[in-house]
Amino acid sequence: MYFKDAVRALDMLYQAPMEQIRTINYNVSGLKRSVTAKEIEEVIKKHIPEFSVSYNREKEVVEYLKKYKDGMQILDDTRAREEWGWEPRYNNLDGMIVDFIEEVRRGAELFGIIG
């Protein structure tokens, strides 16, 4: 889930009329699948061709990440959609990456980027 959608979900829930709230605990989600670092790299390179990254391929790291990804599941956010109109704005990887690149460029000093 993209950070802007997470914050927006909290605000939407806060502003939702009490009579619409019927659930104690809500799930909210963004993308309907997990993405790999390679997929993120490819999208970034579409917008910043000179971007490069290297991956740590140590056996322990690879095994941990595989176990983590295998255990991931997409959250069912049906109740949030039905009760207070939740809908992610950033529900595709390209949109998330483009927005994040713009955020970093606007706030380069905040991110420690010079030039």
Protein backbone atom coordinates (compact mmCIF):
# COMPACT_ATOMS: atom_id res chain seq x y z
CA MET A 1 0.00 0.00 0.00
CA TYR A 2 1.26 3.43 -0.90
CA PHE A 3 1.84 5.76 2.06
CA LYS A 4 -0.56 8.43 0.76
CA ASP A 5 -3.38 5.88 0.55
CA ALA A 6 -2.66 4.72 4.10
CA VAL A 7 -2.96 8.26 5.45
CA ARG A 8 -6.06 8.90 3.34
CA ALA A 9 -7.72 5.72 4.67
CA LEU A 10 -7.23 6.92 8.25
CA ASP A 11 -8.72 10.30 7.41
CA MET A 12 -11.68 8.74 5.58
CA LEU A 13 -12.44 6.48 8.54
CA TYR A 14 -12.17 9.40 10.95
CA GLN A 15 -14.62 11.44 8.86
CA ALA A 16 -17.07 8.60 8.15
CA PRO A 17 -20.49 9.06 9.80
CA MET A 18 -20.81 6.85 12.90
CA GLU A 19 -23.99 5.24 11.57
CA GLN A 20 -22.00 3.80 8.66
CA ILE A 21 -19.43 2.12 10.91
CA ARG A 22 -20.43 -1.49 11.59
CA THR A 23 -17.03 -3.16 11.84
CA ILE A 24 -14.54 -3.10 14.71
CA ASN A 25 -11.38 -3.61 12.66
CA TYR A 26 -10.85 -2.69 9.01
CA ASN A 27 -8.35 -3.89 6.44
CA VAL A 28 -7.39 -1.53 3.65
CA SER A 29 -5.17 -2.38 0.74
CA GLY A 30 -3.66 -0.84 -2.35
CA LEU A 31 -2.15 -3.16 -4.92
CA LYS A 32 -3.92 -6.47 -5.25
CA ARG A 33 -0.64 -8.36 -5.47
CA SER A 34 2.85 -8.22 -4.04
CA VAL A 35 5.60 -6.84 -6.25
CA THR A 36 9.24 -7.76 -6.57
CA ALA A 37 12.23 -5.47 -6.27
CA LYS A 38 12.92 -6.18 -9.95
CA GLU A 39 9.46 -4.91 -10.92
CA ILE A 40 10.03 -1.73 -8.93
CA GLU A 41 13.45 -1.31 -10.56
CA GLU A 42 11.94 -1.67 -14.05
CA VAL A 43 9.28 0.97 -13.40
CA ILE A 44 11.82 3.40 -11.97
CA LYS A 45 14.06 2.89 -15.02
CA LYS A 46 11.17 3.86 -17.31
CA HIS A 47 11.18 7.28 -15.64
CA ILE A 48 14.84 7.57 -14.62
CA PRO A 49 16.85 5.61 -17.24
CA GLU A 50 20.17 6.16 -15.44
CA PHE A 51 18.86 4.53 -12.23
CA SER A 52 20.86 1.53 -11.07
CA VAL A 53 20.59 -0.82 -8.14
CA SER A 54 22.48 -3.86 -6.91
CA TYR A 55 20.96 -6.75 -5.02
CA ASN A 56 22.38 -8.68 -2.09
CA ARG A 57 22.11 -12.31 -3.13
CA GLU A 58 23.36 -13.92 0.08
CA LYS A 59 21.64 -17.25 0.63
CA GLU A 60 20.14 -16.32 4.03
CA VAL A 61 18.63 -13.10 2.68
CA VAL A 62 17.11 -14.81 -0.34
CA GLU A 63 15.62 -17.58 1.82
CA TYR A 64 14.17 -15.08 4.30
CA LEU A 65 12.59 -12.97 1.57
CA LYS A 66 11.11 -16.03 -0.14
CA LYS A 67 9.59 -17.19 3.14
CA TYR A 68 8.24 -13.68 3.78
CA LYS A 69 6.71 -13.35 0.31
CA ASP A 70 5.20 -16.85 0.45
CA GLY A 71 3.45 -15.89 3.70
CA MET A 72 2.04 -12.63 2.36
CA GLN A 73 -1.60 -12.35 1.58
CA ILE A 74 -3.70 -9.63 0.07
CA LEU A 75 -6.02 -8.06 2.61
CA ASP A 76 -9.77 -8.16 2.03
CA ASP A 77 -10.90 -4.56 2.26
CA THR A 78 -14.52 -5.18 1.28
CA ARG A 79 -15.99 -3.83 4.52
CA ALA A 80 -14.04 -0.57 4.29
CA ARG A 81 -15.23 -0.18 0.70
CA GLU A 82 -18.83 -0.87 1.61
CA GLU A 83 -19.08 1.04 4.89
CA TRP A 84 -17.11 4.21 4.25
CA GLY A 85 -16.23 4.21 0.57
CA TRP A 86 -12.59 3.14 0.70
CA GLU A 87 -10.91 3.02 -2.70
CA PRO A 88 -7.15 3.35 -3.14
CA ARG A 89 -5.98 6.14 -5.41
CA TYR A 90 -2.64 4.46 -5.98
CA ASN A 91 -3.63 0.98 -7.08
CA ASN A 92 -0.95 0.40 -9.69
CA LEU A 93 2.80 0.24 -9.31
CA ASP A 94 3.56 2.76 -12.05
CA GLY A 95 1.34 5.41 -10.43
CA MET A 96 2.99 4.87 -7.06
CA ILE A 97 6.50 5.10 -8.44
CA VAL A 98 5.78 8.21 -10.53
CA ASP A 99 4.24 9.98 -7.54
CA PHE A 100 7.10 8.97 -5.26
CA ILE A 101 9.70 10.21 -7.76
CA GLU A 102 7.88 13.55 -7.84
CA GLU A 103 7.78 13.65 -4.03
CA VAL A 104 11.52 13.02 -3.80
CA ARG A 105 12.28 15.65 -6.43
CA ARG A 106 10.11 18.24 -4.65
CA GLY A 107 11.70 17.52 -1.29
CA ALA A 108 15.25 16.65 -2.31
CA GLU A 109 16.73 18.37 0.75
CA LEU A 110 14.45 16.43 3.10
CA PHE A 111 15.68 13.19 1.57
CA GLY A 112 19.33 14.21 1.72
CA ILE A 113 19.65 14.55 -2.05
CA ILE A 114 21.81 17.40 -3.30
CA GLY A 115 21.91 18.62 -6.88
